[in-house]
Amino acid sequence: MSSSGEPPQIHACHQDDEDESDQDGGGPPADLSHAGAVVDKAIEYMTGQNIGPLAIASALLGGALGMLSRSLGDEAIIRVLDNAIASVRAGDLHRIDGGGRA
C-alpha cells in the first residue's frame, strides 16, 4: 500500500494453461502465488482504510463466489465449499493463523 492512501497498483498476469504449475513442481502455481500476493495487498489496504475484518472477508468471499460462478457449475462450487467447511471443522484455519477462536 502506498503512503498516499492510494490503492495498490494491480497488474494483470496471464499464463498459458499448460504452464499453470510451478516450474520445479514443488510450489503452488505461479498464478496462485501472484493472486495470493494481490489479495494480501488488498486486505492490507482495506485494513488501513479502517474497514472491519468481517466486511473485508465478506467482500472477498462474495467476489470469490462470483469468480467461481463464471468458471464452474453449481455442483463444482458446492464441492469447493464443502472442502472449505471440512477444513473449518478440522481446525485447519486456526492452525494456519495460529488463532484459537472457537
N, C-alpha and C. Protein backbone atom coordinates (compact mmCIF):
# COMPACT_ATOMS: atom_id res chain seq x y z
N MET A 1 0.85 -1.18 0.00
CA MET A 1 0.00 0.00 0.00
C MET A 1 0.89 1.22 0.00
N SER A 2 0.53 2.20 -0.77
CA SER A 2 1.32 3.40 -0.82
C SER A 2 1.00 4.30 0.37
N SER A 3 1.93 5.14 0.73
CA SER A 3 1.74 6.02 1.88
C SER A 3 0.74 7.12 1.60
N SER A 4 0.38 7.33 0.34
CA SER A 4 -0.57 8.38 0.00
C SER A 4 -2.02 7.96 0.18
N GLY A 5 -2.25 6.71 0.59
CA GLY A 5 -3.61 6.23 0.77
C GLY A 5 -4.23 5.71 -0.51
N GLU A 6 -3.48 5.71 -1.60
CA GLU A 6 -3.97 5.19 -2.86
C GLU A 6 -4.00 3.67 -2.81
N PRO A 7 -4.94 3.04 -3.52
CA PRO A 7 -4.96 1.58 -3.55
C PRO A 7 -3.71 1.05 -4.23
N PRO A 8 -3.33 -0.19 -3.91
CA PRO A 8 -2.14 -0.75 -4.53
C PRO A 8 -2.33 -0.90 -6.03
N GLN A 9 -1.25 -0.76 -6.79
CA GLN A 9 -1.30 -0.99 -8.22
C GLN A 9 -1.40 -2.48 -8.46
N ILE A 10 -2.37 -2.90 -9.22
CA ILE A 10 -2.58 -4.30 -9.50
C ILE A 10 -2.38 -4.51 -11.00
N HIS A 11 -1.44 -5.37 -11.33
CA HIS A 11 -1.13 -5.64 -12.73
C HIS A 11 -1.62 -7.03 -13.09
N ALA A 12 -2.30 -7.12 -14.21
CA ALA A 12 -2.81 -8.42 -14.66
C ALA A 12 -1.65 -9.31 -15.07
N CYS A 13 -1.81 -10.58 -14.80
CA CYS A 13 -0.80 -11.56 -15.16
C CYS A 13 -1.51 -12.71 -15.85
N HIS A 14 -1.01 -13.10 -17.02
CA HIS A 14 -1.61 -14.21 -17.74
C HIS A 14 -0.56 -15.26 -18.01
N GLN A 15 -0.93 -16.50 -17.79
CA GLN A 15 -0.06 -17.62 -18.08
C GLN A 15 -0.85 -18.63 -18.86
N ASP A 16 -0.20 -19.34 -19.77
CA ASP A 16 -0.87 -20.40 -20.51
C ASP A 16 -1.24 -21.52 -19.57
N ASP A 17 -2.34 -22.22 -19.86
CA ASP A 17 -2.82 -23.30 -19.01
C ASP A 17 -1.79 -24.39 -18.81
N GLU A 18 -1.03 -24.73 -19.88
CA GLU A 18 -0.05 -25.80 -19.71
C GLU A 18 1.12 -25.39 -18.84
N ASP A 19 1.28 -24.10 -18.60
CA ASP A 19 2.35 -23.59 -17.74
C ASP A 19 1.78 -23.20 -16.38
N GLU A 20 0.69 -23.85 -15.98
CA GLU A 20 -0.05 -23.49 -14.78
C GLU A 20 0.71 -23.81 -13.50
N SER A 21 1.50 -24.87 -13.45
CA SER A 21 2.18 -25.24 -12.22
C SER A 21 3.56 -24.63 -12.14
N ASP A 22 4.07 -24.56 -10.93
CA ASP A 22 5.40 -24.04 -10.66
C ASP A 22 6.42 -24.85 -11.45
N GLN A 23 7.47 -24.19 -11.95
CA GLN A 23 8.46 -24.85 -12.79
C GLN A 23 9.11 -26.05 -12.12
N ASP A 24 9.44 -25.94 -10.82
CA ASP A 24 10.12 -27.05 -10.15
C ASP A 24 9.13 -28.08 -9.60
N GLY A 25 7.84 -27.81 -9.72
CA GLY A 25 6.84 -28.76 -9.27
C GLY A 25 6.65 -28.78 -7.77
N GLY A 26 7.42 -27.99 -7.01
CA GLY A 26 7.34 -28.05 -5.56
C GLY A 26 6.44 -27.02 -4.93
N GLY A 27 6.12 -25.95 -5.64
CA GLY A 27 5.34 -24.88 -5.04
C GLY A 27 4.00 -24.73 -5.73
N PRO A 28 3.25 -23.76 -5.27
CA PRO A 28 1.95 -23.52 -5.90
C PRO A 28 2.15 -22.94 -7.30
N PRO A 29 1.13 -23.03 -8.14
CA PRO A 29 1.23 -22.42 -9.47
C PRO A 29 1.55 -20.94 -9.35
N ALA A 30 2.29 -20.42 -10.33
CA ALA A 30 2.70 -19.01 -10.29
C ALA A 30 1.49 -18.08 -10.22
N ASP A 31 0.44 -18.39 -10.97
CA ASP A 31 -0.76 -17.55 -10.93
C ASP A 31 -1.37 -17.51 -9.54
N LEU A 32 -1.36 -18.65 -8.84
CA LEU A 32 -1.92 -18.70 -7.50
C LEU A 32 -1.08 -17.86 -6.54
N SER A 33 0.23 -17.96 -6.64
CA SER A 33 1.11 -17.16 -5.78
C SER A 33 0.90 -15.67 -6.04
N HIS A 34 0.80 -15.31 -7.31
CA HIS A 34 0.59 -13.90 -7.67
C HIS A 34 -0.76 -13.41 -7.16
N ALA A 35 -1.80 -14.21 -7.39
CA ALA A 35 -3.13 -13.82 -6.93
C ALA A 35 -3.17 -13.68 -5.41
N GLY A 36 -2.51 -14.59 -4.71
CA GLY A 36 -2.46 -14.51 -3.25
C GLY A 36 -1.77 -13.24 -2.77
N ALA A 37 -0.69 -12.87 -3.44
CA ALA A 37 0.02 -11.64 -3.07
C ALA A 37 -0.85 -10.41 -3.31
N VAL A 38 -1.61 -10.42 -4.41
CA VAL A 38 -2.50 -9.28 -4.71
C VAL A 38 -3.60 -9.20 -3.65
N VAL A 39 -4.18 -10.34 -3.28
CA VAL A 39 -5.23 -10.36 -2.26
C VAL A 39 -4.66 -9.87 -0.92
N ASP A 40 -3.46 -10.32 -0.57
CA ASP A 40 -2.83 -9.85 0.68
C ASP A 40 -2.68 -8.34 0.68
N LYS A 41 -2.27 -7.76 -0.44
CA LYS A 41 -2.13 -6.30 -0.53
C LYS A 41 -3.48 -5.61 -0.43
N ALA A 42 -4.50 -6.19 -1.06
CA ALA A 42 -5.84 -5.61 -0.99
C ALA A 42 -6.36 -5.62 0.45
N ILE A 43 -6.12 -6.73 1.16
CA ILE A 43 -6.53 -6.82 2.57
C ILE A 43 -5.78 -5.78 3.39
N GLU A 44 -4.49 -5.66 3.16
CA GLU A 44 -3.69 -4.66 3.87
C GLU A 44 -4.23 -3.26 3.62
N TYR A 45 -4.57 -2.96 2.37
CA TYR A 45 -5.12 -1.65 2.03
C TYR A 45 -6.45 -1.41 2.74
N MET A 46 -7.38 -2.39 2.67
CA MET A 46 -8.68 -2.21 3.29
C MET A 46 -8.57 -2.08 4.80
N THR A 47 -7.66 -2.83 5.42
CA THR A 47 -7.43 -2.71 6.86
C THR A 47 -6.95 -1.30 7.18
N GLY A 48 -6.06 -0.78 6.36
CA GLY A 48 -5.57 0.59 6.54
C GLY A 48 -6.64 1.64 6.37
N GLN A 49 -7.70 1.30 5.65
CA GLN A 49 -8.84 2.20 5.47
C GLN A 49 -9.89 2.02 6.56
N ASN A 50 -9.53 1.27 7.61
CA ASN A 50 -10.40 1.00 8.75
C ASN A 50 -11.69 0.28 8.37
N ILE A 51 -11.59 -0.60 7.38
CA ILE A 51 -12.71 -1.46 7.03
C ILE A 51 -12.62 -2.68 7.94
N GLY A 52 -13.73 -3.06 8.55
CA GLY A 52 -13.73 -4.15 9.51
C GLY A 52 -13.42 -5.51 8.88
N PRO A 53 -12.87 -6.41 9.69
CA PRO A 53 -12.49 -7.72 9.17
C PRO A 53 -13.65 -8.52 8.58
N LEU A 54 -14.83 -8.43 9.18
CA LEU A 54 -15.98 -9.16 8.66
C LEU A 54 -16.40 -8.60 7.30
N ALA A 55 -16.37 -7.29 7.15
CA ALA A 55 -16.72 -6.68 5.87
C ALA A 55 -15.71 -7.07 4.80
N ILE A 56 -14.43 -7.06 5.15
CA ILE A 56 -13.38 -7.45 4.20
C ILE A 56 -13.59 -8.90 3.77
N ALA A 57 -13.73 -9.78 4.74
CA ALA A 57 -13.89 -11.21 4.45
C ALA A 57 -15.15 -11.46 3.62
N SER A 58 -16.25 -10.78 3.97
CA SER A 58 -17.49 -10.97 3.23
C SER A 58 -17.35 -10.51 1.78
N ALA A 59 -16.68 -9.38 1.58
CA ALA A 59 -16.47 -8.89 0.21
C ALA A 59 -15.58 -9.84 -0.58
N LEU A 60 -14.52 -10.33 0.05
CA LEU A 60 -13.64 -11.27 -0.64
C LEU A 60 -14.35 -12.58 -0.97
N LEU A 61 -15.14 -13.08 -0.02
CA LEU A 61 -15.88 -14.32 -0.26
C LEU A 61 -16.90 -14.13 -1.38
N GLY A 62 -17.61 -13.01 -1.35
CA GLY A 62 -18.58 -12.73 -2.41
C GLY A 62 -17.90 -12.63 -3.78
N GLY A 63 -16.75 -11.98 -3.82
CA GLY A 63 -16.01 -11.88 -5.07
C GLY A 63 -15.52 -13.24 -5.54
N ALA A 64 -15.06 -14.06 -4.60
CA ALA A 64 -14.58 -15.40 -4.94
C ALA A 64 -15.73 -16.25 -5.49
N LEU A 65 -16.88 -16.18 -4.85
CA LEU A 65 -18.03 -16.95 -5.33
C LEU A 65 -18.46 -16.48 -6.71
N GLY A 66 -18.44 -15.19 -6.93
CA GLY A 66 -18.76 -14.66 -8.26
C GLY A 66 -17.78 -15.15 -9.31
N MET A 67 -16.51 -15.18 -8.96
CA MET A 67 -15.48 -15.67 -9.88
C MET A 67 -15.69 -17.16 -10.18
N LEU A 68 -15.96 -17.94 -9.13
CA LEU A 68 -16.22 -19.37 -9.33
C LEU A 68 -17.44 -19.60 -10.21
N SER A 69 -18.47 -18.79 -10.02
CA SER A 69 -19.71 -18.99 -10.79
C SER A 69 -19.51 -18.73 -12.28
N ARG A 70 -18.48 -17.96 -12.63
CA ARG A 70 -18.19 -17.71 -14.04
C ARG A 70 -17.37 -18.82 -14.67
N SER A 71 -16.81 -19.70 -13.84
CA SER A 71 -15.95 -20.73 -14.43
C SER A 71 -16.32 -22.16 -14.03
N LEU A 72 -17.22 -22.33 -13.08
CA LEU A 72 -17.61 -23.66 -12.62
C LEU A 72 -19.12 -23.78 -12.54
N GLY A 73 -19.60 -25.01 -12.63
CA GLY A 73 -21.02 -25.27 -12.43
C GLY A 73 -21.35 -25.30 -10.94
N ASP A 74 -22.64 -25.31 -10.65
CA ASP A 74 -23.09 -25.28 -9.26
C ASP A 74 -22.53 -26.43 -8.43
N GLU A 75 -22.55 -27.65 -8.97
CA GLU A 75 -22.07 -28.80 -8.20
C GLU A 75 -20.58 -28.68 -7.87
N ALA A 76 -19.79 -28.16 -8.80
CA ALA A 76 -18.36 -27.98 -8.53
C ALA A 76 -18.15 -26.92 -7.45
N ILE A 77 -18.95 -25.86 -7.48
CA ILE A 77 -18.85 -24.82 -6.44
C ILE A 77 -19.23 -25.42 -5.09
N ILE A 78 -20.25 -26.23 -5.06
CA ILE A 78 -20.65 -26.88 -3.81
C ILE A 78 -19.51 -27.75 -3.27
N ARG A 79 -18.80 -28.47 -4.15
CA ARG A 79 -17.67 -29.29 -3.70
C ARG A 79 -16.57 -28.41 -3.11
N VAL A 80 -16.30 -27.26 -3.73
CA VAL A 80 -15.30 -26.33 -3.20
C VAL A 80 -15.72 -25.86 -1.81
N LEU A 81 -16.98 -25.49 -1.67
CA LEU A 81 -17.49 -25.02 -0.38
C LEU A 81 -17.50 -26.13 0.66
N ASP A 82 -17.86 -27.35 0.24
CA ASP A 82 -17.81 -28.49 1.17
C ASP A 82 -16.38 -28.72 1.67
N ASN A 83 -15.39 -28.59 0.79
CA ASN A 83 -13.99 -28.73 1.20
C ASN A 83 -13.61 -27.65 2.20
N ALA A 84 -14.10 -26.43 1.97
CA ALA A 84 -13.81 -25.33 2.89
C ALA A 84 -14.45 -25.60 4.25
N ILE A 85 -15.69 -26.08 4.26
CA ILE A 85 -16.37 -26.41 5.51
C ILE A 85 -15.62 -27.50 6.25
N ALA A 86 -15.18 -28.52 5.53
CA ALA A 86 -14.42 -29.61 6.16
C ALA A 86 -13.13 -29.09 6.78
N SER A 87 -12.47 -28.14 6.11
CA SER A 87 -11.25 -27.55 6.67
C SER A 87 -11.52 -26.78 7.95
N VAL A 88 -12.63 -26.05 7.98
CA VAL A 88 -13.00 -25.32 9.20
C VAL A 88 -13.28 -26.30 10.32
N ARG A 89 -14.07 -27.33 10.03
CA ARG A 89 -14.41 -28.32 11.06
C ARG A 89 -13.18 -29.05 11.58
N ALA A 90 -12.19 -29.26 10.73
CA ALA A 90 -10.96 -29.96 11.13
C ALA A 90 -9.99 -29.05 11.88
N GLY A 91 -10.30 -27.77 11.94
CA GLY A 91 -9.42 -26.83 12.64
C GLY A 91 -8.25 -26.36 11.81
N ASP A 92 -8.27 -26.62 10.50
CA ASP A 92 -7.14 -26.25 9.64
C ASP A 92 -6.89 -24.74 9.62
N LEU A 93 -7.94 -23.94 9.64
CA LEU A 93 -7.76 -22.49 9.56
C LEU A 93 -7.06 -21.94 10.80
N HIS A 94 -7.38 -22.48 11.94
CA HIS A 94 -6.73 -22.00 13.17
C HIS A 94 -5.28 -22.42 13.22
N ARG A 95 -4.95 -23.54 12.63
CA ARG A 95 -3.55 -23.96 12.56
C ARG A 95 -2.75 -23.05 11.65
N ILE A 96 -3.37 -22.53 10.60
CA ILE A 96 -2.69 -21.65 9.66
C ILE A 96 -2.36 -20.31 10.30
N ASP A 97 -3.35 -19.69 10.97
CA ASP A 97 -3.13 -18.34 11.52
C ASP A 97 -2.73 -18.36 12.99
N GLY A 98 -2.69 -19.54 13.59
CA GLY A 98 -2.28 -19.63 14.99
C GLY A 98 -3.35 -19.19 15.97
N GLY A 99 -4.54 -18.90 15.43
CA GLY A 99 -5.62 -18.44 16.31
C GLY A 99 -6.25 -19.59 17.07
N GLY A 100 -6.91 -19.24 18.13
CA GLY A 100 -7.55 -20.26 18.94
C GLY A 100 -9.01 -19.96 19.18
N ARG A 101 -9.65 -19.23 18.26
CA ARG A 101 -11.05 -18.86 18.44
C ARG A 101 -11.93 -20.07 18.22
N ALA A 102 -13.04 -20.10 18.93
CA ALA A 102 -13.99 -21.22 18.80
C ALA A 102 -15.12 -20.87 17.86
